[in-house]
N, C-alpha and C. Protein backbone atom coordinates (compact mmCIF):
# COMPACT_ATOMS: atom_id res chain seq x y z
N MET A 1 -52.74 1.13 10.94
CA MET A 1 -51.49 1.78 11.34
C MET A 1 -50.52 0.73 11.91
N ASP A 2 -49.28 0.84 11.53
CA ASP A 2 -48.26 -0.09 11.99
C ASP A 2 -47.71 0.38 13.33
N ASN A 3 -47.98 -0.40 14.40
CA ASN A 3 -47.55 0.00 15.74
C ASN A 3 -46.26 -0.68 16.17
N ARG A 4 -45.59 -1.37 15.24
CA ARG A 4 -44.34 -2.03 15.62
C ARG A 4 -43.29 -0.99 15.98
N LYS A 5 -42.53 -1.30 17.02
CA LYS A 5 -41.48 -0.38 17.47
C LYS A 5 -40.33 -0.37 16.47
N THR A 6 -39.88 0.81 16.12
CA THR A 6 -38.74 0.92 15.21
C THR A 6 -37.45 1.01 16.00
N THR A 7 -36.42 0.41 15.48
CA THR A 7 -35.10 0.45 16.12
C THR A 7 -34.08 0.93 15.11
N GLN A 8 -32.93 1.26 15.62
CA GLN A 8 -31.84 1.75 14.77
C GLN A 8 -31.37 0.65 13.83
N THR A 9 -31.09 1.02 12.60
CA THR A 9 -30.55 0.07 11.63
C THR A 9 -29.19 -0.43 12.12
N PRO A 10 -28.95 -1.76 12.06
CA PRO A 10 -27.65 -2.28 12.53
C PRO A 10 -26.50 -1.63 11.78
N GLY A 11 -25.41 -1.38 12.50
CA GLY A 11 -24.21 -0.82 11.87
C GLY A 11 -23.63 -1.78 10.84
N GLN A 12 -23.00 -1.23 9.83
CA GLN A 12 -22.42 -2.02 8.77
C GLN A 12 -20.90 -1.95 8.84
N THR A 13 -20.25 -3.03 8.49
CA THR A 13 -18.80 -3.04 8.40
C THR A 13 -18.40 -3.09 6.94
N ILE A 14 -17.13 -2.79 6.67
CA ILE A 14 -16.62 -2.83 5.31
C ILE A 14 -16.44 -4.28 4.89
N GLY A 15 -16.85 -4.61 3.68
CA GLY A 15 -16.65 -5.95 3.15
C GLY A 15 -17.69 -6.92 3.67
N PRO A 16 -17.75 -8.18 3.19
CA PRO A 16 -16.86 -8.70 2.14
C PRO A 16 -17.09 -7.99 0.81
N TYR A 17 -16.12 -8.07 -0.07
CA TYR A 17 -16.15 -7.28 -1.29
C TYR A 17 -16.73 -8.02 -2.47
N PHE A 18 -17.42 -7.27 -3.29
CA PHE A 18 -17.88 -7.81 -4.55
C PHE A 18 -16.75 -7.60 -5.55
N ALA A 19 -15.96 -8.64 -5.73
CA ALA A 19 -14.72 -8.52 -6.50
C ALA A 19 -14.97 -8.08 -7.94
N TYR A 20 -16.16 -8.34 -8.45
CA TYR A 20 -16.47 -7.94 -9.82
C TYR A 20 -16.29 -6.44 -10.00
N CYS A 21 -16.55 -5.68 -8.96
CA CYS A 21 -16.45 -4.22 -9.04
C CYS A 21 -15.03 -3.72 -8.77
N LEU A 22 -14.34 -4.34 -7.81
CA LEU A 22 -13.05 -3.81 -7.37
C LEU A 22 -11.86 -4.47 -8.04
N THR A 23 -11.90 -5.78 -8.19
CA THR A 23 -10.83 -6.52 -8.86
C THR A 23 -11.50 -7.51 -9.82
N PRO A 24 -12.01 -7.01 -10.95
CA PRO A 24 -12.85 -7.82 -11.82
C PRO A 24 -12.12 -8.70 -12.82
N ASP A 25 -10.78 -8.74 -12.78
CA ASP A 25 -10.04 -9.47 -13.79
C ASP A 25 -10.41 -10.95 -13.84
N SER A 26 -10.69 -11.53 -12.66
CA SER A 26 -11.04 -12.95 -12.64
C SER A 26 -12.38 -13.23 -13.31
N TYR A 27 -13.15 -12.16 -13.57
CA TYR A 27 -14.42 -12.30 -14.27
C TYR A 27 -14.29 -11.96 -15.76
N GLY A 28 -13.04 -11.76 -16.19
CA GLY A 28 -12.82 -11.44 -17.59
C GLY A 28 -13.08 -10.00 -17.94
N ARG A 29 -13.12 -9.14 -16.94
CA ARG A 29 -13.37 -7.72 -17.16
C ARG A 29 -12.14 -6.91 -16.81
N LYS A 30 -11.95 -5.81 -17.49
CA LYS A 30 -10.81 -4.94 -17.23
C LYS A 30 -11.17 -3.94 -16.14
N GLY A 31 -10.41 -3.94 -15.05
CA GLY A 31 -10.64 -2.99 -13.97
C GLY A 31 -9.85 -1.71 -14.18
N ILE A 32 -10.02 -0.75 -13.27
CA ILE A 32 -9.29 0.50 -13.41
C ILE A 32 -7.82 0.32 -13.07
N THR A 33 -7.50 -0.74 -12.32
CA THR A 33 -6.12 -1.02 -11.97
C THR A 33 -6.02 -2.44 -11.46
N ASP A 34 -4.78 -2.91 -11.30
CA ASP A 34 -4.55 -4.23 -10.70
C ASP A 34 -3.26 -4.16 -9.89
N ASN A 35 -2.63 -5.29 -9.66
CA ASN A 35 -1.42 -5.28 -8.82
C ASN A 35 -0.13 -5.11 -9.62
N VAL A 36 -0.24 -4.87 -10.92
CA VAL A 36 0.93 -4.59 -11.75
C VAL A 36 0.92 -3.10 -12.09
N LEU A 37 1.79 -2.35 -11.43
CA LEU A 37 1.82 -0.90 -11.62
C LEU A 37 2.74 -0.48 -12.76
N ALA A 38 3.74 -1.31 -13.07
CA ALA A 38 4.76 -0.90 -14.04
C ALA A 38 5.01 -2.00 -15.06
N GLY A 39 4.79 -1.67 -16.33
CA GLY A 39 5.13 -2.57 -17.41
C GLY A 39 6.62 -2.48 -17.71
N PRO A 40 7.10 -3.29 -18.65
CA PRO A 40 8.54 -3.34 -18.94
C PRO A 40 9.13 -2.05 -19.48
N ASP A 41 8.29 -1.17 -20.04
CA ASP A 41 8.80 0.07 -20.62
C ASP A 41 8.92 1.21 -19.60
N VAL A 42 8.48 0.98 -18.39
CA VAL A 42 8.55 2.03 -17.36
C VAL A 42 9.97 2.09 -16.80
N ALA A 43 10.50 3.30 -16.68
CA ALA A 43 11.87 3.49 -16.22
C ALA A 43 11.99 3.18 -14.72
N GLY A 44 13.20 2.76 -14.33
CA GLY A 44 13.48 2.53 -12.93
C GLY A 44 13.80 1.08 -12.61
N GLU A 45 14.12 0.82 -11.34
CA GLU A 45 14.40 -0.53 -10.89
C GLU A 45 13.09 -1.27 -10.66
N HIS A 46 12.86 -2.29 -11.44
CA HIS A 46 11.62 -3.06 -11.31
C HIS A 46 11.72 -3.99 -10.10
N ILE A 47 10.70 -3.93 -9.26
CA ILE A 47 10.71 -4.68 -8.01
C ILE A 47 9.36 -5.37 -7.80
N ARG A 48 9.35 -6.30 -6.87
CA ARG A 48 8.10 -6.92 -6.42
C ARG A 48 8.00 -6.70 -4.91
N VAL A 49 6.83 -6.30 -4.46
CA VAL A 49 6.57 -6.08 -3.04
C VAL A 49 5.52 -7.10 -2.61
N THR A 50 5.85 -7.89 -1.61
CA THR A 50 4.94 -8.95 -1.21
C THR A 50 4.90 -9.07 0.31
N GLY A 51 3.88 -9.70 0.81
CA GLY A 51 3.74 -9.90 2.24
C GLY A 51 2.40 -10.53 2.56
N ARG A 52 2.09 -10.59 3.86
CA ARG A 52 0.81 -11.12 4.30
C ARG A 52 0.12 -10.11 5.21
N LEU A 53 -1.20 -10.13 5.18
CA LEU A 53 -2.00 -9.31 6.08
C LEU A 53 -2.48 -10.22 7.21
N LEU A 54 -2.15 -9.85 8.46
CA LEU A 54 -2.42 -10.71 9.61
C LEU A 54 -3.20 -9.96 10.67
N ASP A 55 -4.08 -10.69 11.37
CA ASP A 55 -4.82 -10.06 12.47
C ASP A 55 -4.00 -10.11 13.76
N GLY A 56 -4.60 -9.75 14.88
CA GLY A 56 -3.87 -9.66 16.13
C GLY A 56 -3.35 -10.98 16.66
N THR A 57 -3.93 -12.09 16.19
CA THR A 57 -3.46 -13.42 16.62
C THR A 57 -2.49 -14.03 15.63
N GLY A 58 -2.17 -13.30 14.56
CA GLY A 58 -1.28 -13.83 13.53
C GLY A 58 -1.99 -14.66 12.48
N THR A 59 -3.32 -14.62 12.48
CA THR A 59 -4.11 -15.37 11.50
C THR A 59 -4.21 -14.58 10.21
N PRO A 60 -3.96 -15.21 9.05
CA PRO A 60 -4.06 -14.50 7.77
C PRO A 60 -5.47 -13.95 7.55
N MET A 61 -5.55 -12.76 6.99
CA MET A 61 -6.82 -12.12 6.67
C MET A 61 -7.06 -12.21 5.17
N ASP A 62 -7.99 -13.07 4.78
CA ASP A 62 -8.34 -13.16 3.37
C ASP A 62 -9.46 -12.15 3.08
N ASP A 63 -9.77 -11.97 1.81
CA ASP A 63 -10.84 -11.07 1.40
C ASP A 63 -10.61 -9.63 1.86
N ALA A 64 -9.35 -9.23 1.98
CA ALA A 64 -9.04 -7.83 2.29
C ALA A 64 -8.54 -7.16 1.01
N LEU A 65 -8.70 -5.88 0.95
CA LEU A 65 -8.28 -5.10 -0.21
C LEU A 65 -7.13 -4.18 0.20
N ILE A 66 -6.03 -4.27 -0.55
CA ILE A 66 -4.88 -3.39 -0.29
C ILE A 66 -4.63 -2.55 -1.54
N GLU A 67 -4.53 -1.25 -1.34
CA GLU A 67 -4.26 -0.31 -2.43
C GLU A 67 -2.93 0.39 -2.15
N VAL A 68 -2.19 0.66 -3.21
CA VAL A 68 -0.93 1.40 -3.06
C VAL A 68 -0.93 2.62 -3.98
N TRP A 69 -0.21 3.63 -3.56
CA TRP A 69 -0.05 4.87 -4.31
C TRP A 69 1.40 5.29 -4.17
N GLN A 70 2.06 5.62 -5.27
CA GLN A 70 3.48 5.93 -5.20
C GLN A 70 3.91 6.87 -6.31
N ALA A 71 5.08 7.46 -6.11
CA ALA A 71 5.72 8.27 -7.15
C ALA A 71 6.47 7.35 -8.12
N ASN A 72 6.83 7.89 -9.27
CA ASN A 72 7.64 7.11 -10.21
C ASN A 72 9.10 7.09 -9.75
N SER A 73 9.96 6.49 -10.55
CA SER A 73 11.36 6.33 -10.12
C SER A 73 12.11 7.66 -10.02
N ALA A 74 11.57 8.69 -10.67
CA ALA A 74 12.20 10.02 -10.59
C ALA A 74 11.67 10.82 -9.40
N GLY A 75 10.63 10.29 -8.75
CA GLY A 75 10.07 10.99 -7.60
C GLY A 75 8.95 11.94 -7.92
N ARG A 76 8.15 11.61 -8.96
CA ARG A 76 7.01 12.46 -9.29
C ARG A 76 5.74 11.63 -9.33
N TYR A 77 4.66 12.20 -8.78
CA TYR A 77 3.36 11.53 -8.79
C TYR A 77 2.62 11.84 -10.09
N ASN A 78 1.90 10.85 -10.58
CA ASN A 78 1.03 11.08 -11.73
C ASN A 78 -0.30 11.61 -11.22
N HIS A 79 -0.27 12.86 -10.81
CA HIS A 79 -1.44 13.49 -10.20
C HIS A 79 -1.40 14.98 -10.52
N PRO A 80 -2.55 15.60 -10.79
CA PRO A 80 -2.55 17.03 -11.14
C PRO A 80 -1.93 17.93 -10.07
N ALA A 81 -1.94 17.49 -8.81
CA ALA A 81 -1.38 18.32 -7.75
C ALA A 81 0.14 18.37 -7.79
N ASP A 82 0.77 17.40 -8.47
CA ASP A 82 2.23 17.41 -8.60
C ASP A 82 2.57 18.11 -9.90
N THR A 83 2.88 19.39 -9.81
CA THR A 83 3.09 20.23 -10.99
C THR A 83 4.56 20.53 -11.27
N ARG A 84 5.46 19.82 -10.62
CA ARG A 84 6.89 20.10 -10.78
C ARG A 84 7.34 19.77 -12.21
N LYS A 85 7.77 20.78 -12.93
CA LYS A 85 8.18 20.60 -14.32
C LYS A 85 9.60 20.07 -14.45
N ASP A 86 10.39 20.18 -13.36
CA ASP A 86 11.78 19.75 -13.43
C ASP A 86 11.93 18.25 -13.14
N VAL A 87 10.84 17.58 -12.83
CA VAL A 87 10.87 16.14 -12.56
C VAL A 87 10.04 15.45 -13.63
N PRO A 88 10.61 14.47 -14.35
CA PRO A 88 9.89 13.86 -15.47
C PRO A 88 8.65 13.09 -15.03
N LEU A 89 7.63 13.17 -15.86
CA LEU A 89 6.37 12.45 -15.65
C LEU A 89 6.24 11.38 -16.73
N GLU A 90 5.88 10.17 -16.32
CA GLU A 90 5.69 9.07 -17.28
C GLU A 90 4.21 8.76 -17.40
N ALA A 91 3.67 9.00 -18.57
CA ALA A 91 2.24 8.75 -18.78
C ALA A 91 1.89 7.28 -18.61
N ALA A 92 2.86 6.38 -18.88
CA ALA A 92 2.59 4.95 -18.80
C ALA A 92 2.57 4.44 -17.36
N PHE A 93 2.98 5.28 -16.42
CA PHE A 93 3.03 4.85 -15.02
C PHE A 93 2.02 5.66 -14.22
N LYS A 94 0.94 5.01 -13.80
CA LYS A 94 -0.11 5.70 -13.06
C LYS A 94 0.20 5.81 -11.57
N GLY A 95 0.98 4.87 -11.05
CA GLY A 95 1.36 4.95 -9.64
C GLY A 95 0.29 4.50 -8.67
N PHE A 96 -0.73 3.77 -9.16
CA PHE A 96 -1.81 3.30 -8.30
C PHE A 96 -2.06 1.84 -8.59
N GLY A 97 -2.19 1.02 -7.53
CA GLY A 97 -2.46 -0.39 -7.71
C GLY A 97 -3.39 -0.93 -6.65
N ARG A 98 -3.97 -2.09 -6.93
CA ARG A 98 -4.96 -2.67 -6.03
C ARG A 98 -4.82 -4.18 -6.05
N CYS A 99 -4.89 -4.81 -4.87
CA CYS A 99 -4.74 -6.26 -4.78
C CYS A 99 -5.63 -6.80 -3.66
N MET A 100 -6.33 -7.89 -3.94
CA MET A 100 -7.07 -8.61 -2.90
C MET A 100 -6.12 -9.62 -2.26
N THR A 101 -6.21 -9.81 -0.95
CA THR A 101 -5.42 -10.85 -0.30
C THR A 101 -6.03 -12.22 -0.61
N ASP A 102 -5.16 -13.24 -0.67
CA ASP A 102 -5.66 -14.59 -0.94
C ASP A 102 -5.98 -15.31 0.36
N LYS A 103 -6.24 -16.60 0.28
CA LYS A 103 -6.66 -17.36 1.46
C LYS A 103 -5.58 -17.39 2.54
N ASP A 104 -4.32 -17.14 2.16
CA ASP A 104 -3.22 -17.10 3.12
C ASP A 104 -2.90 -15.67 3.56
N GLY A 105 -3.76 -14.72 3.16
CA GLY A 105 -3.53 -13.32 3.50
C GLY A 105 -2.45 -12.65 2.69
N ARG A 106 -2.01 -13.30 1.61
CA ARG A 106 -0.87 -12.80 0.85
C ARG A 106 -1.29 -11.77 -0.21
N PHE A 107 -0.41 -10.79 -0.40
CA PHE A 107 -0.59 -9.79 -1.45
C PHE A 107 0.73 -9.61 -2.18
N THR A 108 0.67 -9.16 -3.43
CA THR A 108 1.87 -8.92 -4.24
C THR A 108 1.62 -7.74 -5.16
N PHE A 109 2.62 -6.88 -5.28
CA PHE A 109 2.58 -5.78 -6.25
C PHE A 109 3.86 -5.81 -7.07
N GLU A 110 3.72 -5.60 -8.37
CA GLU A 110 4.87 -5.47 -9.28
C GLU A 110 4.94 -4.02 -9.71
N THR A 111 6.08 -3.39 -9.44
CA THR A 111 6.18 -1.96 -9.68
C THR A 111 7.65 -1.58 -9.90
N VAL A 112 7.96 -0.31 -9.76
CA VAL A 112 9.34 0.17 -9.75
C VAL A 112 9.57 0.86 -8.41
N LYS A 113 10.82 0.84 -7.97
CA LYS A 113 11.12 1.53 -6.70
C LYS A 113 10.92 3.03 -6.93
N PRO A 114 10.12 3.67 -6.06
CA PRO A 114 9.86 5.10 -6.25
C PRO A 114 11.06 5.96 -5.88
N GLY A 115 11.11 7.14 -6.46
CA GLY A 115 12.13 8.11 -6.09
C GLY A 115 11.72 8.88 -4.85
N ARG A 116 12.59 9.73 -4.38
CA ARG A 116 12.31 10.55 -3.20
C ARG A 116 11.41 11.72 -3.58
N VAL A 117 10.48 12.04 -2.71
CA VAL A 117 9.55 13.14 -2.95
C VAL A 117 9.61 14.12 -1.79
N PRO A 118 9.35 15.41 -2.05
CA PRO A 118 9.36 16.38 -0.96
C PRO A 118 8.12 16.22 -0.08
N GLY A 119 8.31 16.46 1.21
CA GLY A 119 7.19 16.41 2.15
C GLY A 119 6.99 17.76 2.80
N GLN A 120 6.49 17.74 4.03
CA GLN A 120 6.23 18.98 4.75
C GLN A 120 7.52 19.78 4.90
N GLY A 121 7.42 21.07 4.65
CA GLY A 121 8.59 21.93 4.72
C GLY A 121 9.58 21.68 3.60
N ASN A 122 9.12 20.98 2.55
CA ASN A 122 9.93 20.65 1.38
C ASN A 122 11.10 19.73 1.72
N ARG A 123 11.02 19.03 2.85
CA ARG A 123 12.06 18.07 3.21
C ARG A 123 11.86 16.78 2.42
N LEU A 124 12.96 16.24 1.89
CA LEU A 124 12.86 15.02 1.10
C LEU A 124 12.49 13.82 1.97
N GLN A 125 11.56 13.04 1.47
CA GLN A 125 11.19 11.80 2.12
C GLN A 125 11.93 10.64 1.47
N ALA A 126 12.08 9.56 2.20
CA ALA A 126 12.70 8.36 1.63
C ALA A 126 11.73 7.70 0.64
N PRO A 127 12.26 6.91 -0.30
CA PRO A 127 11.35 6.17 -1.19
C PRO A 127 10.37 5.34 -0.38
N HIS A 128 9.09 5.38 -0.77
CA HIS A 128 8.08 4.62 -0.03
C HIS A 128 6.83 4.43 -0.88
N LEU A 129 6.03 3.47 -0.47
CA LEU A 129 4.69 3.28 -1.01
C LEU A 129 3.70 3.69 0.07
N SER A 130 2.68 4.42 -0.30
CA SER A 130 1.57 4.67 0.62
C SER A 130 0.54 3.56 0.41
N ILE A 131 0.01 3.00 1.51
CA ILE A 131 -0.92 1.90 1.38
C ILE A 131 -2.20 2.18 2.16
N VAL A 132 -3.29 1.63 1.65
CA VAL A 132 -4.60 1.69 2.31
C VAL A 132 -5.11 0.27 2.42
N ILE A 133 -5.61 -0.09 3.60
CA ILE A 133 -6.09 -1.44 3.85
C ILE A 133 -7.56 -1.38 4.25
N GLN A 134 -8.37 -2.19 3.58
CA GLN A 134 -9.79 -2.30 3.93
C GLN A 134 -10.12 -3.79 4.06
N SER A 135 -10.90 -4.12 5.08
CA SER A 135 -11.23 -5.52 5.29
C SER A 135 -12.55 -5.65 6.03
N ARG A 136 -13.15 -6.79 5.90
CA ARG A 136 -14.37 -7.11 6.63
C ARG A 136 -14.10 -6.97 8.13
N GLY A 137 -15.05 -6.37 8.85
CA GLY A 137 -14.89 -6.15 10.28
C GLY A 137 -14.28 -4.82 10.64
N MET A 138 -13.79 -4.07 9.65
CA MET A 138 -13.21 -2.75 9.90
C MET A 138 -14.25 -1.69 9.59
N LEU A 139 -14.42 -0.75 10.49
CA LEU A 139 -15.38 0.33 10.27
C LEU A 139 -14.80 1.42 9.39
N SER A 140 -13.48 1.47 9.30
CA SER A 140 -12.80 2.46 8.46
C SER A 140 -11.52 1.84 7.94
N HIS A 141 -11.01 2.42 6.87
CA HIS A 141 -9.76 1.90 6.31
C HIS A 141 -8.57 2.29 7.19
N ALA A 142 -7.47 1.60 6.99
CA ALA A 142 -6.22 1.90 7.70
C ALA A 142 -5.18 2.35 6.69
N CYS A 143 -4.36 3.32 7.07
CA CYS A 143 -3.33 3.88 6.18
C CYS A 143 -1.95 3.64 6.77
N SER A 144 -1.01 3.25 5.92
CA SER A 144 0.36 3.07 6.37
C SER A 144 1.30 3.32 5.20
N ARG A 145 2.56 2.94 5.37
CA ARG A 145 3.57 3.09 4.34
C ARG A 145 4.45 1.85 4.29
N VAL A 146 5.11 1.68 3.16
CA VAL A 146 6.14 0.65 3.01
C VAL A 146 7.43 1.36 2.61
N TYR A 147 8.45 1.28 3.48
CA TYR A 147 9.78 1.78 3.17
C TYR A 147 10.68 0.60 2.79
N PHE A 148 11.92 0.89 2.38
CA PHE A 148 12.82 -0.13 1.87
C PHE A 148 14.09 -0.19 2.71
N ALA A 149 14.41 -1.41 3.18
CA ALA A 149 15.51 -1.57 4.12
C ALA A 149 16.87 -1.15 3.56
N ASP A 150 17.04 -1.24 2.24
CA ASP A 150 18.35 -0.90 1.65
C ASP A 150 18.50 0.59 1.38
N GLU A 151 17.52 1.39 1.75
CA GLU A 151 17.61 2.85 1.60
C GLU A 151 18.00 3.49 2.93
N THR A 152 19.12 3.01 3.48
CA THR A 152 19.51 3.39 4.83
C THR A 152 19.67 4.91 5.00
N LYS A 153 20.41 5.55 4.09
CA LYS A 153 20.65 6.99 4.21
C LYS A 153 19.34 7.77 4.09
N ALA A 154 18.57 7.45 3.08
CA ALA A 154 17.31 8.17 2.87
C ALA A 154 16.35 7.94 4.04
N ASN A 155 16.29 6.71 4.53
CA ASN A 155 15.42 6.42 5.68
C ASN A 155 15.83 7.24 6.90
N GLY A 156 17.14 7.41 7.08
CA GLY A 156 17.62 8.19 8.21
C GLY A 156 17.27 9.66 8.11
N GLU A 157 16.96 10.14 6.91
CA GLU A 157 16.61 11.55 6.71
C GLU A 157 15.11 11.79 6.60
N ASP A 158 14.34 10.71 6.62
CA ASP A 158 12.90 10.82 6.38
C ASP A 158 12.18 11.39 7.61
N PRO A 159 11.43 12.50 7.45
CA PRO A 159 10.78 13.12 8.60
C PRO A 159 9.65 12.29 9.18
N VAL A 160 8.99 11.49 8.35
CA VAL A 160 7.90 10.66 8.86
C VAL A 160 8.45 9.52 9.71
N LEU A 161 9.48 8.85 9.21
CA LEU A 161 10.10 7.79 10.01
C LEU A 161 10.67 8.35 11.31
N ALA A 162 11.22 9.55 11.25
CA ALA A 162 11.80 10.16 12.45
C ALA A 162 10.75 10.44 13.52
N SER A 163 9.49 10.57 13.12
CA SER A 163 8.42 10.88 14.07
C SER A 163 7.91 9.63 14.78
N ILE A 164 8.40 8.45 14.37
CA ILE A 164 7.96 7.17 14.94
C ILE A 164 9.00 6.67 15.93
N GLU A 165 8.53 6.06 17.01
CA GLU A 165 9.46 5.47 17.98
C GLU A 165 10.38 4.48 17.26
N ALA A 166 11.67 4.52 17.59
CA ALA A 166 12.67 3.71 16.88
C ALA A 166 12.32 2.23 16.86
N GLU A 167 11.77 1.71 17.97
CA GLU A 167 11.48 0.28 18.04
C GLU A 167 10.30 -0.13 17.17
N ARG A 168 9.50 0.83 16.71
CA ARG A 168 8.34 0.52 15.88
C ARG A 168 8.59 0.73 14.38
N ARG A 169 9.68 1.40 14.03
CA ARG A 169 9.95 1.68 12.63
C ARG A 169 10.07 0.43 11.77
N PRO A 170 10.66 -0.68 12.29
CA PRO A 170 10.77 -1.88 11.44
C PRO A 170 9.45 -2.44 10.96
N THR A 171 8.33 -2.06 11.58
CA THR A 171 7.03 -2.59 11.16
C THR A 171 6.59 -2.07 9.80
N ILE A 172 7.28 -1.03 9.30
CA ILE A 172 6.93 -0.51 7.98
C ILE A 172 8.14 -0.48 7.03
N ILE A 173 9.17 -1.21 7.37
CA ILE A 173 10.36 -1.26 6.50
C ILE A 173 10.50 -2.67 5.93
N ALA A 174 10.40 -2.78 4.62
CA ALA A 174 10.44 -4.08 3.94
C ALA A 174 11.88 -4.53 3.72
N ARG A 175 12.13 -5.81 3.99
CA ARG A 175 13.47 -6.35 3.77
C ARG A 175 13.61 -6.76 2.30
N ARG A 176 14.82 -6.63 1.79
CA ARG A 176 15.09 -6.92 0.38
C ARG A 176 15.66 -8.32 0.21
N GLU A 177 15.21 -8.99 -0.84
CA GLU A 177 15.76 -10.27 -1.26
C GLU A 177 16.08 -10.18 -2.75
N ASP A 178 17.32 -10.45 -3.11
CA ASP A 178 17.71 -10.45 -4.52
C ASP A 178 17.49 -11.84 -5.10
N THR A 179 16.68 -11.92 -6.14
CA THR A 179 16.34 -13.19 -6.76
C THR A 179 16.72 -13.14 -8.24
N PRO A 180 16.76 -14.28 -8.94
CA PRO A 180 17.06 -14.26 -10.38
C PRO A 180 16.09 -13.40 -11.17
N GLY A 181 14.87 -13.23 -10.66
CA GLY A 181 13.88 -12.41 -11.34
C GLY A 181 13.90 -10.95 -10.94
N GLY A 182 14.83 -10.57 -10.06
CA GLY A 182 14.91 -9.18 -9.62
C GLY A 182 14.69 -9.04 -8.13
N ALA A 183 14.68 -7.81 -7.67
CA ALA A 183 14.55 -7.54 -6.23
C ALA A 183 13.11 -7.78 -5.76
N VAL A 184 13.01 -8.46 -4.63
CA VAL A 184 11.71 -8.68 -3.98
C VAL A 184 11.80 -8.12 -2.57
N TYR A 185 10.82 -7.31 -2.20
CA TYR A 185 10.75 -6.74 -0.85
C TYR A 185 9.60 -7.40 -0.10
N HIS A 186 9.89 -7.83 1.14
CA HIS A 186 8.91 -8.55 1.95
C HIS A 186 8.53 -7.72 3.17
N LEU A 187 7.22 -7.63 3.42
CA LEU A 187 6.74 -6.95 4.62
C LEU A 187 5.37 -7.50 4.98
N ASP A 188 5.25 -8.11 6.16
CA ASP A 188 3.95 -8.52 6.66
C ASP A 188 3.31 -7.35 7.39
N ILE A 189 2.00 -7.23 7.25
CA ILE A 189 1.23 -6.16 7.89
C ILE A 189 0.41 -6.78 9.02
N HIS A 190 0.63 -6.31 10.24
CA HIS A 190 -0.08 -6.80 11.41
C HIS A 190 -1.09 -5.73 11.85
N MET A 191 -2.36 -6.08 11.84
CA MET A 191 -3.39 -5.11 12.15
C MET A 191 -3.47 -4.79 13.65
N GLN A 192 -3.08 -5.74 14.48
CA GLN A 192 -3.10 -5.56 15.93
C GLN A 192 -2.03 -6.42 16.56
N GLY A 193 -1.92 -6.36 17.88
CA GLY A 193 -1.02 -7.25 18.60
C GLY A 193 0.34 -6.66 18.86
N ASP A 194 1.24 -7.51 19.36
CA ASP A 194 2.59 -7.07 19.74
C ASP A 194 3.39 -6.54 18.55
N LYS A 195 3.10 -7.06 17.36
CA LYS A 195 3.83 -6.65 16.16
C LYS A 195 3.04 -5.66 15.31
N GLU A 196 2.08 -4.98 15.91
CA GLU A 196 1.19 -4.11 15.14
C GLU A 196 1.97 -3.12 14.26
N THR A 197 1.56 -3.04 13.03
CA THR A 197 2.15 -2.12 12.05
C THR A 197 1.83 -0.69 12.46
N VAL A 198 2.72 0.23 12.15
CA VAL A 198 2.44 1.65 12.38
C VAL A 198 1.41 2.11 11.35
N PHE A 199 0.33 2.72 11.84
CA PHE A 199 -0.70 3.27 10.97
C PHE A 199 -0.77 4.77 11.18
N PHE A 200 -1.22 5.49 10.13
CA PHE A 200 -1.28 6.94 10.15
C PHE A 200 -2.71 7.41 9.94
N ASP A 201 -2.98 8.63 10.38
CA ASP A 201 -4.25 9.27 10.04
C ASP A 201 -4.25 9.57 8.56
N ALA A 202 -5.38 9.39 7.91
CA ALA A 202 -5.46 9.62 6.46
C ALA A 202 -5.25 11.08 6.14
């Protein structure tokens, strides 16, 4: 008989990730998605969203996984729950993307600027990306949004932004830069610290 004392199994944290399963392109395999959400035939303003994922000390977080979910440029999700027939659906635009951060904590998504979608009480929300962040050392994922600084009127009408303290709203609003290759939006995500990004319950 084994008389050794049994103890609780050590708790596990998320990551590091086996990239072959989640972002397998570097292994020559086709994944379910990548960081390019919109090809050239997808309607709307084509944009690039980029930034860095930083911890509470401002140190870049590599080996983190960032996922985005968004509506198309007309404001419709490619999801069975979005049944609005008066808003066009594009089969070529899935509205879901995934990117691993690099050694500098950087991430990039190529997509189209989403249209406005109805929220609680059928109030229109400003154009935004929903994001999920998972990283080594985190017991659960974190959820946030990316809004666009040049959508001033829509941002002012957005019920979610209105629920956030005014001084914290800039942590989820990406600044725009016009480049020869098109619009680029920049937003760094701070997991903790004085510049901590606003996070939401899933």
